[in-house]
Each structure stands twice: as structure tokens, then as C-alpha cells.
C-alpha atoms as a PDB file:
ATOM      1  CA  MET A   1       4.373 -20.636  30.138  1.00  0.00           C
ATOM      2  CA  LEU A   2       1.126 -22.222  28.940  1.00  0.00           C
ATOM      3  CA  GLN A   3      -0.754 -20.655  31.837  1.00  0.00           C
ATOM      4  CA  MET A   4       0.316 -17.173  30.722  1.00  0.00           C
ATOM      5  CA  TYR A   5      -1.046 -17.641  27.205  1.00  0.00           C
ATOM      6  CA  GLU A   6      -4.207 -19.307  28.421  1.00  0.00           C
ATOM      7  CA  PHE A   7      -4.877 -16.501  30.920  1.00  0.00           C
ATOM      8  CA  THR A   8      -4.322 -13.748  28.330  1.00  0.00           C
ATOM      9  CA  TYR A   9      -6.452 -15.434  25.719  1.00  0.00           C
ATOM     10  CA  SER A  10      -9.225 -16.311  28.185  1.00  0.00           C
ATOM     11  CA  LYS A  11      -9.787 -12.598  28.827  1.00  0.00           C
ATOM     12  CA  TYR A  12     -10.654 -12.115  25.177  1.00  0.00           C
ATOM     13  CA  LEU A  13     -12.789 -15.241  25.041  1.00  0.00           C
ATOM     14  CA  GLU A  14     -14.843 -13.784  27.898  1.00  0.00           C
ATOM     15  CA  GLU A  15     -15.425 -10.673  25.804  1.00  0.00           C
ATOM     16  CA  VAL A  16     -16.391 -12.825  22.814  1.00  0.00           C
ATOM     17  CA  VAL A  17     -18.945 -14.693  24.899  1.00  0.00           C
ATOM     18  CA  LYS A  18     -20.447 -11.455  26.216  1.00  0.00           C
ATOM     19  CA  ILE A  19     -20.751 -10.001  22.733  1.00  0.00           C
ATOM     20  CA  LEU A  20     -22.177 -13.104  21.075  1.00  0.00           C
ATOM     21  CA  GLU A  21     -24.598 -13.844  23.907  1.00  0.00           C
ATOM     22  CA  SER A  22     -26.041 -10.377  23.392  1.00  0.00           C
ATOM     23  CA  ASP A  23     -26.675 -11.188  19.726  1.00  0.00           C
ATOM     24  CA  PRO A  24     -29.901 -13.254  19.579  1.00  0.00           C
ATOM     25  CA  LYS A  25     -29.395 -14.419  15.996  1.00  0.00           C
ATOM     26  CA  PHE A  26     -25.926 -15.801  16.626  1.00  0.00           C
ATOM     27  CA  SER A  27     -26.874 -17.335  19.977  1.00  0.00           C
ATOM     28  CA  GLU A  28     -29.966 -18.993  18.502  1.00  0.00           C
ATOM     29  CA  LYS A  29     -27.911 -20.496  15.684  1.00  0.00           C
ATOM     30  CA  LEU A  30     -25.370 -21.976  18.095  1.00  0.00           C
ATOM     31  CA  ARG A  31     -28.004 -23.331  20.499  1.00  0.00           C
ATOM     32  CA  GLY A  32     -29.825 -25.019  17.640  1.00  0.00           C
ATOM     33  CA  MET A  33     -26.810 -26.954  16.387  1.00  0.00           C
ATOM     34  CA  PRO A  34     -25.724 -30.313  17.853  1.00  0.00           C
ATOM     35  CA  GLU A  35     -22.227 -30.174  19.319  1.00  0.00           C
ATOM     36  CA  ALA A  36     -20.955 -32.838  16.935  1.00  0.00           C
ATOM     37  CA  ASP A  37     -22.167 -30.840  13.944  1.00  0.00           C
ATOM     38  CA  ILE A  38     -20.457 -27.642  15.087  1.00  0.00           C
ATOM     39  CA  LYS A  39     -17.138 -29.462  15.001  1.00  0.00           C
ATOM     40  CA  THR A  40     -17.379 -30.172  11.275  1.00  0.00           C
ATOM     41  CA  VAL A  41     -15.411 -27.995   8.899  1.00  0.00           C
ATOM     42  CA  GLN A  42     -18.533 -27.091   6.923  1.00  0.00           C
ATOM     43  CA  ASP A  43     -20.375 -25.786   9.956  1.00  0.00           C
ATOM     44  CA  MET A  44     -17.337 -23.915  11.228  1.00  0.00           C
ATOM     45  CA  GLU A  45     -17.226 -22.152   7.871  1.00  0.00           C
ATOM     46  CA  ALA A  46     -20.976 -21.502   8.021  1.00  0.00           C
ATOM     47  CA  ILE A  47     -20.601 -19.966  11.477  1.00  0.00           C
ATOM     48  CA  ASP A  48     -17.841 -17.692  10.181  1.00  0.00           C
ATOM     49  CA  LYS A  49     -20.040 -16.565   7.278  1.00  0.00           C
ATOM     50  CA  GLN A  50     -22.957 -15.927   9.626  1.00  0.00           C
ATOM     51  CA  ARG A  51     -20.676 -13.958  11.946  1.00  0.00           C
ATOM     52  CA  GLN A  52     -19.435 -11.840   9.038  1.00  0.00           C
ATOM     53  CA  LYS A  53     -23.023 -11.133   7.960  1.00  0.00           C
ATOM     54  CA  GLU A  54     -24.071 -10.130  11.457  1.00  0.00           C
ATOM     55  CA  PHE A  55     -20.995  -7.967  11.943  1.00  0.00           C
ATOM     56  CA  LYS A  56     -21.850  -6.111   8.744  1.00  0.00           C
ATOM     57  CA  GLU A  57     -25.373  -5.557  10.097  1.00  0.00           C
ATOM     58  CA  TYR A  58     -23.891  -4.380  13.395  1.00  0.00           C
ATOM     59  CA  GLU A  59     -21.721  -1.804  11.619  1.00  0.00           C
ATOM     60  CA  MET A  60     -24.627  -0.606   9.470  1.00  0.00           C
ATOM     61  CA  ARG A  61     -26.823  -0.273  12.551  1.00  0.00           C
ATOM     62  CA  LYS A  62     -24.140   1.820  14.259  1.00  0.00           C
ATOM     63  CA  LYS A  63     -24.045   4.106  11.238  1.00  0.00           C
ATOM     64  CA  ALA A  64     -27.842   4.267  10.966  1.00  0.00           C
ATOM     65  CA  GLU A  65     -28.192   5.127  14.654  1.00  0.00           C
ATOM     66  CA  GLU A  66     -25.519   7.804  14.328  1.00  0.00           C
ATOM     67  CA  ASP A  67     -27.253   9.345  11.294  1.00  0.00           C
ATOM     68  CA  HIS A  68     -30.639   9.182  13.042  1.00  0.00           C
ATOM     69  CA  LYS A  69     -29.258  11.063  16.061  1.00  0.00           C
ATOM     70  CA  LEU A  70     -27.670  13.692  13.824  1.00  0.00           C
ATOM     71  CA  ALA A  71     -30.962  14.224  12.039  1.00  0.00           C
ATOM     72  CA  GLN A  72     -32.619  15.114  15.361  1.00  0.00           C
ATOM     73  CA  MET A  73     -30.063  17.852  16.145  1.00  0.00           C
ATOM     74  CA  ASP A  74     -30.014  21.487  15.156  1.00  0.00           C
ATOM     75  CA  GLU A  75     -27.236  22.655  12.844  1.00  0.00           C
ATOM     76  CA  GLU A  76     -24.834  23.727  15.593  1.00  0.00           C
ATOM     77  CA  GLU A  77     -25.229  20.490  17.576  1.00  0.00           C
ATOM     78  CA  ARG A  78     -24.826  18.449  14.394  1.00  0.00           C
ATOM     79  CA  LYS A  79     -21.571  20.173  13.435  1.00  0.00           C
ATOM     80  CA  LYS A  80     -20.209  19.590  16.935  1.00  0.00           C
ATOM     81  CA  ALA A  81     -21.229  15.899  16.941  1.00  0.00           C
ATOM     82  CA  ILE A  82     -19.717  15.312  13.485  1.00  0.00           C
ATOM     83  CA  HIS A  83     -16.470  16.975  14.570  1.00  0.00           C
ATOM     84  CA  GLU A  84     -16.290  14.831  17.730  1.00  0.00           C
ATOM     85  CA  ALA A  85     -16.926  11.649  15.711  1.00  0.00           C
ATOM     86  CA  GLU A  86     -14.186  12.576  13.236  1.00  0.00           C
ATOM     87  CA  GLU A  87     -11.746  13.282  16.055  1.00  0.00           C
ATOM     88  CA  ALA A  88     -12.555   9.924  17.705  1.00  0.00           C
ATOM     89  CA  LYS A  89     -11.950   8.124  14.400  1.00  0.00           C
ATOM     90  CA  LYS A  90      -8.681  10.003  13.937  1.00  0.00           C
ATOM     91  CA  ARG A  91      -7.500   9.019  17.433  1.00  0.00           C
ATOM     92  CA  HIS A  92      -8.418   5.392  16.794  1.00  0.00           C
ATOM     93  CA  ASN A  93      -6.480   5.332  13.510  1.00  0.00           C
ATOM     94  CA  GLU A  94      -3.320   6.819  15.032  1.00  0.00           C
ATOM     95  CA  HIS A  95      -1.470   3.605  15.751  1.00  0.00           C
ATOM     96  CA  GLU A  96       1.669   1.744  14.841  1.00  0.00           C
ATOM     97  CA  LYS A  97       1.612   0.085  11.447  1.00  0.00           C
ATOM     98  CA  LEU A  98       0.287  -3.449  11.750  1.00  0.00           C
ATOM     99  CA  LYS A  99       2.339  -6.415  10.675  1.00  0.00           C
ATOM    100  CA  HIS A 100       0.748  -8.880   8.297  1.00  0.00           C
ATOM    101  CA  PRO A 101      -0.798 -11.790  10.257  1.00  0.00           C
ATOM    102  CA  GLY A 102       1.195 -14.950   9.717  1.00  0.00           C
ATOM    103  CA  SER A 103       4.190 -13.169   8.218  1.00  0.00           C
ATOM    104  CA  ARG A 104       7.689 -13.989   9.449  1.00  0.00           C
ATOM    105  CA  ASP A 105       8.023 -10.454  10.838  1.00  0.00           C
ATOM    106  CA  GLN A 106       4.766 -10.719  12.787  1.00  0.00           C
ATOM    107  CA  LEU A 107       5.690 -14.086  14.250  1.00  0.00           C
ATOM    108  CA  GLU A 108       9.195 -12.909  15.138  1.00  0.00           C
ATOM    109  CA  GLU A 109       7.673  -9.990  17.052  1.00  0.00           C
ATOM    110  CA  VAL A 110       5.675 -12.460  19.144  1.00  0.00           C
ATOM    111  CA  TRP A 111       8.858 -14.473  19.663  1.00  0.00           C
ATOM    112  CA  GLU A 112      10.879 -11.430  20.767  1.00  0.00           C
ATOM    113  CA  GLU A 113       8.334  -9.540  22.844  1.00  0.00           C
ATOM    114  CA  THR A 114       5.992 -12.194  24.219  1.00  0.00           C
ATOM    115  CA  ASP A 115       7.648 -15.610  24.203  1.00  0.00           C
ATOM    116  CA  HIS A 116      10.810 -14.466  25.951  1.00  0.00           C
ATOM    117  CA  VAL A 117       8.692 -13.287  28.921  1.00  0.00           C
ATOM    118  CA  SER A 118       6.942 -16.618  29.289  1.00  0.00           C
ATOM    119  CA  CYS A 119      10.145 -18.628  28.775  1.00  0.00           C
ATOM    120  CA  HIS A 120      12.417 -16.352  30.845  1.00  0.00           C
ATOM    121  CA  LEU A 121      14.990 -16.566  28.058  1.00  0.00           C
ATOM    122  CA  GLN A 122      16.639 -14.082  25.704  1.00  0.00           C
ATOM    123  CA  MET A 123      14.809 -14.660  22.414  1.00  0.00           C
ATOM    124  CA  ASP A 124      15.822 -12.121  19.798  1.00  0.00           C
ATOM    125  CA  LYS A 125      14.970 -11.998  16.114  1.00  0.00           C
ATOM    126  CA  ASP A 126      18.184 -13.727  15.069  1.00  0.00           C
ATOM    127  CA  SER A 127      17.475 -16.703  17.322  1.00  0.00           C
ATOM    128  CA  PHE A 128      13.967 -17.331  15.917  1.00  0.00           C
ATOM    129  CA  ASP A 129      13.443 -21.055  15.447  1.00  0.00           C
ATOM    130  CA  PRO A 130      10.236 -22.069  13.589  1.00  0.00           C
ATOM    131  CA  ARG A 131       9.961 -25.519  15.180  1.00  0.00           C
ATOM    132  CA  THR A 132      10.386 -24.168  18.689  1.00  0.00           C
ATOM    133  CA  PHE A 133       7.950 -21.344  17.960  1.00  0.00           C
ATOM    134  CA  PHE A 134       5.336 -23.793  16.704  1.00  0.00           C
ATOM    135  CA  ALA A 135       5.712 -25.957  19.808  1.00  0.00           C
ATOM    136  CA  LEU A 136       5.451 -22.955  22.137  1.00  0.00           C
ATOM    137  CA  HIS A 137       2.107 -22.003  20.618  1.00  0.00           C
ATOM    138  CA  ASP A 138       0.718 -25.518  20.311  1.00  0.00           C
ATOM    139  CA  LEU A 139      -0.853 -24.988  23.724  1.00  0.00           C
ATOM    140  CA  ASN A 140      -2.646 -28.337  23.960  1.00  0.00           C
ATOM    141  CA  GLY A 141       0.321 -30.275  22.543  1.00  0.00           C
ATOM    142  CA  ASP A 142      -1.653 -32.080  19.849  1.00  0.00           C
ATOM    143  CA  GLY A 143       0.716 -31.162  17.027  1.00  0.00           C
ATOM    144  CA  TYR A 144      -1.604 -28.614  15.405  1.00  0.00           C
ATOM    145  CA  TRP A 145      -2.579 -24.978  15.749  1.00  0.00           C
ATOM    146  CA  ASN A 146      -6.329 -24.714  16.122  1.00  0.00           C
ATOM    147  CA  ALA A 147      -8.442 -21.546  15.834  1.00  0.00           C
ATOM    148  CA  ASP A 148      -7.919 -20.543  19.476  1.00  0.00           C
ATOM    149  CA  GLU A 149      -4.155 -21.038  19.276  1.00  0.00           C
ATOM    150  CA  LEU A 150      -3.980 -19.008  16.065  1.00  0.00           C
ATOM    151  CA  GLU A 151      -6.042 -16.163  17.522  1.00  0.00           C
ATOM    152  CA  ALA A 152      -3.754 -16.033  20.541  1.00  0.00           C
ATOM    153  CA  LEU A 153      -0.884 -15.188  18.170  1.00  0.00           C
ATOM    154  CA  PHE A 154      -2.537 -11.931  17.118  1.00  0.00           C
ATOM    155  CA  GLN A 155      -3.091 -10.290  20.496  1.00  0.00           C
ATOM    156  CA  LYS A 156      -0.001  -8.102  20.211  1.00  0.00           C
ATOM    157  CA  GLU A 157      -1.092  -6.757  16.833  1.00  0.00           C
ATOM    158  CA  LEU A 158      -4.601  -6.121  18.152  1.00  0.00           C
ATOM    159  CA  GLU A 159      -3.216  -4.195  21.115  1.00  0.00           C
ATOM    160  CA  LYS A 160      -1.655  -1.731  18.665  1.00  0.00           C
ATOM    161  CA  VAL A 161      -5.138  -0.737  17.482  1.00  0.00           C
ATOM    162  CA  TYR A 162      -7.575  -1.545  20.269  1.00  0.00           C
ATOM    163  CA  ASN A 163      -7.388  -0.572  23.927  1.00  0.00           C
ATOM    164  CA  GLU A 164     -10.096  -2.129  26.088  1.00  0.00           C
ATOM    165  CA  THR A 165     -10.143   0.969  28.323  1.00  0.00           C
ATOM    166  CA  ASP A 166     -10.393   3.464  25.434  1.00  0.00           C
ATOM    167  CA  PRO A 167     -13.975   4.584  24.656  1.00  0.00           C
ATOM    168  CA  ASP A 168     -12.927   5.234  21.047  1.00  0.00           C
ATOM    169  CA  ASP A 169     -12.269   1.504  20.549  1.00  0.00           C
ATOM    170  CA  ASP A 170     -15.119  -0.936  19.953  1.00  0.00           C
ATOM    171  CA  PRO A 171     -14.531  -4.389  21.549  1.00  0.00           C
ATOM    172  CA  ARG A 172     -16.718  -6.073  18.953  1.00  0.00           C
ATOM    173  CA  GLU A 173     -14.560  -4.620  16.191  1.00  0.00           C
ATOM    174  CA  ARG A 174     -11.506  -5.965  17.988  1.00  0.00           C
ATOM    175  CA  MET A 175     -13.055  -9.441  17.981  1.00  0.00           C
ATOM    176  CA  GLU A 176     -13.877  -9.189  14.285  1.00  0.00           C
ATOM    177  CA  GLU A 177     -10.329  -8.034  13.523  1.00  0.00           C
ATOM    178  CA  MET A 178      -8.995 -11.083  15.357  1.00  0.00           C
ATOM    179  CA  TYR A 179     -11.314 -13.398  13.404  1.00  0.00           C
ATOM    180  CA  ARG A 180     -10.254 -11.782  10.113  1.00  0.00           C
ATOM    181  CA  MET A 181      -6.610 -12.403  10.978  1.00  0.00           C
ATOM    182  CA  ARG A 182      -7.314 -16.023  11.882  1.00  0.00           C
ATOM    183  CA  GLU A 183      -9.282 -16.609   8.681  1.00  0.00           C
ATOM    184  CA  HIS A 184      -6.485 -15.065   6.605  1.00  0.00           C
ATOM    185  CA  VAL A 185      -3.732 -17.178   8.157  1.00  0.00           C
ATOM    186  CA  THR A 186      -5.830 -20.337   7.923  1.00  0.00           C
ATOM    187  CA  LYS A 187      -6.396 -19.690   4.221  1.00  0.00           C
ATOM    188  CA  GLN A 188      -2.685 -18.972   3.824  1.00  0.00           C
ATOM    189  CA  MET A 189      -1.310 -22.053   5.607  1.00  0.00           C
ATOM    190  CA  ASP A 190      -4.024 -24.727   5.735  1.00  0.00           C
ATOM    191  CA  LYS A 191      -3.335 -26.762   2.615  1.00  0.00           C
ATOM    192  CA  ASN A 192      -5.643 -29.703   3.334  1.00  0.00           C
ATOM    193  CA  ASN A 193      -8.572 -27.525   4.449  1.00  0.00           C
ATOM    194  CA  ASP A 194      -9.093 -29.186   7.822  1.00  0.00           C
ATOM    195  CA  ARG A 195      -9.094 -25.822   9.664  1.00  0.00           C
ATOM    196  CA  LEU A 196      -5.922 -26.837  11.519  1.00  0.00           C
ATOM    197  CA  ILE A 197      -2.298 -25.863  10.911  1.00  0.00           C
ATOM    198  CA  SER A 198       0.178 -28.708  11.189  1.00  0.00           C
ATOM    199  CA  LEU A 199       3.887 -28.245  11.819  1.00  0.00           C
ATOM    200  CA  GLU A 200       4.583 -29.350   8.235  1.00  0.00           C
ATOM    201  CA  GLU A 201       2.129 -26.803   6.816  1.00  0.00           C
ATOM    202  CA  PHE A 202       3.690 -24.079   8.939  1.00  0.00           C
ATOM    203  CA  LEU A 203       7.242 -24.957   7.873  1.00  0.00           C
ATOM    204  CA  GLN A 204       6.256 -25.067   4.199  1.00  0.00           C
ATOM    205  CA  ASP A 205       4.488 -21.702   4.225  1.00  0.00           C
ATOM    206  CA  THR A 206       6.597 -19.206   2.273  1.00  0.00           C
ATOM    207  CA  GLU A 207       5.172 -16.101   3.918  1.00  0.00           C
ATOM    208  CA  ALA A 208       5.754 -17.420   7.440  1.00  0.00           C
ATOM    209  CA  GLN A 209       9.317 -18.470   6.654  1.00  0.00           C
ATOM    210  CA  THR A 210      10.539 -15.487   4.588  1.00  0.00           C
ATOM    211  CA  PRO A 211      11.883 -12.554   6.667  1.00  0.00           C
ATOM    212  CA  ASP A 212      11.597  -8.862   5.746  1.00  0.00           C
ATOM    213  CA  LYS A 213       8.734  -9.363   3.281  1.00  0.00           C
ATOM    214  CA  ASP A 214       5.906  -7.993   5.439  1.00  0.00           C
ATOM    215  CA  PRO A 215       3.229  -6.239   3.324  1.00  0.00           C
ATOM    216  CA  GLY A 216       1.421  -4.842   6.367  1.00  0.00           C
ATOM    217  CA  TRP A 217      -2.261  -5.216   7.221  1.00  0.00           C
ATOM    218  CA  LYS A 218      -5.263  -2.958   6.695  1.00  0.00           C
ATOM    219  CA  ASP A 219      -7.422  -3.016   9.810  1.00  0.00           C
ATOM    220  CA  LEU A 220     -11.156  -2.359   9.893  1.00  0.00           C
ATOM    221  CA  GLY A 221     -10.518   1.354  10.354  1.00  0.00           C
ATOM    222  CA  ASP A 222      -9.016   1.447   6.848  1.00  0.00           C
ATOM    223  CA  GLN A 223     -11.993  -0.096   5.073  1.00  0.00           C
ATOM    224  CA  GLN A 224     -15.766  -0.228   4.902  1.00  0.00           C
ATOM    225  CA  VAL A 225     -17.435  -3.597   5.438  1.00  0.00           C
ATOM    226  CA  TYR A 226     -20.611  -2.658   3.559  1.00  0.00           C
ATOM    227  CA  THR A 227     -21.414  -0.970   0.258  1.00  0.00           C
ATOM    228  CA  ASP A 228     -23.224   2.345  -0.069  1.00  0.00           C
ATOM    229  CA  GLU A 229     -26.204   0.475  -1.542  1.00  0.00           C
ATOM    230  CA  GLU A 230     -26.341  -1.938   1.402  1.00  0.00           C
ATOM    231  CA  LEU A 231     -26.247   0.951   3.852  1.00  0.00           C
ATOM    232  CA  GLN A 232     -28.984   2.850   2.021  1.00  0.00           C
ATOM    233  CA  GLU A 233     -31.242  -0.204   2.104  1.00  0.00           C
ATOM    234  CA  PHE A 234     -30.514  -0.812   5.774  1.00  0.00           C
ATOM    235  CA  GLU A 235     -31.179   2.830   6.681  1.00  0.00           C
ATOM    236  CA  ARG A 236     -34.509   2.738   4.831  1.00  0.00           C
ATOM    237  CA  GLU A 237     -35.569  -0.243   6.940  1.00  0.00           C
ATOM    238  CA  TYR A 238     -34.201   1.397  10.082  1.00  0.00           C
ATOM    239  CA  ALA A 239     -36.174   4.585   9.383  1.00  0.00           C
ATOM    240  CA  LYS A 240     -39.370   2.527   9.029  1.00  0.00           C
ATOM    241  CA  GLN A 241     -38.678   0.907  12.408  1.00  0.00           C
ATOM    242  CA  GLN A 242     -38.248   4.346  13.945  1.00  0.00           C
ATOM    243  CA  GLY A 243     -41.540   5.479  12.466  1.00  0.00           C
ATOM    244  CA  ASN A 244     -39.960   7.985  10.096  1.00  0.00           C
END
């Protein structure tokens, strides 16, 4: 059972490594930090903040590059390109409603549709047992859910939005969505702020233990990660770099 989860999650970790290694700022930050320091809560939070900042820059660069290409086209080409971009966005946003990360409904879906495969047992919604569920996903058996174990819980939700073989879906956005889910659940459940979820914290979390109260989840396709002012400033700098 553990091998199945570790294999599935390792595929996404490989993608994370590829993406982050291609980002010189992020890679330089990690290489410059002693291993012991990275393990501290403060530095883990700093890395998350740096990742969020660089993801925002990534999204603004995508937009700036798109606008720059459109500006080079004649009117007919531009209309066609805008239409194709709108259609791609529409296809990406046509997905099943996402369950709220860390909600009872989201966890029960993992229990029903993923855990029963690995355990070779009938595990329906009515048989959901929080203690057993926690143990199943405590992959290293240390009594806590760490960041990797939490992120592994969200793969089913991510698959509703992102398909690694679909050109409309951006793998870096999938990674950021996963990190957002992990950060949300950590904030929701981690009462002593050690970046780990204990069994006690999990059992005491109202949202995780209350069925049929799922508020849903707005993915990145439903929101903008930068303000209009931030984009305008970025595009001014981008235009200078392009010699315009």
C-alpha cells in the first residue's frame, strides 16, 4: 500500500524538481542554505513565501509574453490568437467542482476511491474511520502528516483540473495549486505551528470531522494572482528588456 502512494507522489516530485531547477532564483536560494536551516519552521515559511513571489512573477511573465506576441500580429491574426486562448482557458475551466482541501468530504473521497484500491478492501463513505485514515496516510509511520504526506492527499482533486498530457494545462500551475492546498490545510489543522499534523490535531479539526459541510475550492483558474498595477509595472519592465 505504501509503495503505491510513494510511486504516485514521486511522479509529481520529479515534476517539481524539474520546474524548480529551471528557476535560477529558487535554485540559488536552496543551494545557499545549510540543510539544517532549511528544516526550521521559519525557513520553510520563507521558502513558501519566495515560491509564491516567484510564481506570481511566472504568471505575469506568461501574460507579458502573450501580450507582446499579440502586439506583433496584424488584426486578423490577433483576433484568432485571442479566440484560441479564450477557448483553451474555457476547456481548462470545464472540470468537476473541487472539494475543499482537508474537508471531511474531500478526505472521504480519497478513502473511497484511492485507499480501497491500495488496501484491497471495500471502503465506502459510511465506513470512513478517521484514525485508520490518518494511519494509512502517515507513510513514514512517525505519527504525523508532513508536507509530502499532506500533498499526496490532494492528487485526486488536482487530477480533476490538471491533466499532464493536456497542452491546455500548465504543470507549474498544478504544483502551485498543490502547495496552496497544503498551506491551507496546515493553517487549518496545525495548532502548534510546527508544520506537522498530529493525529490529535487531525481528530480535533472541525472541518475534517464534519460531513456534508464542503464549501468547495476556487482553483487558480478562478482567480488572478497579481493585481492590475503589478502587471502594468511588470510589463513596463518587460517591454524595456525587449527593447520597446
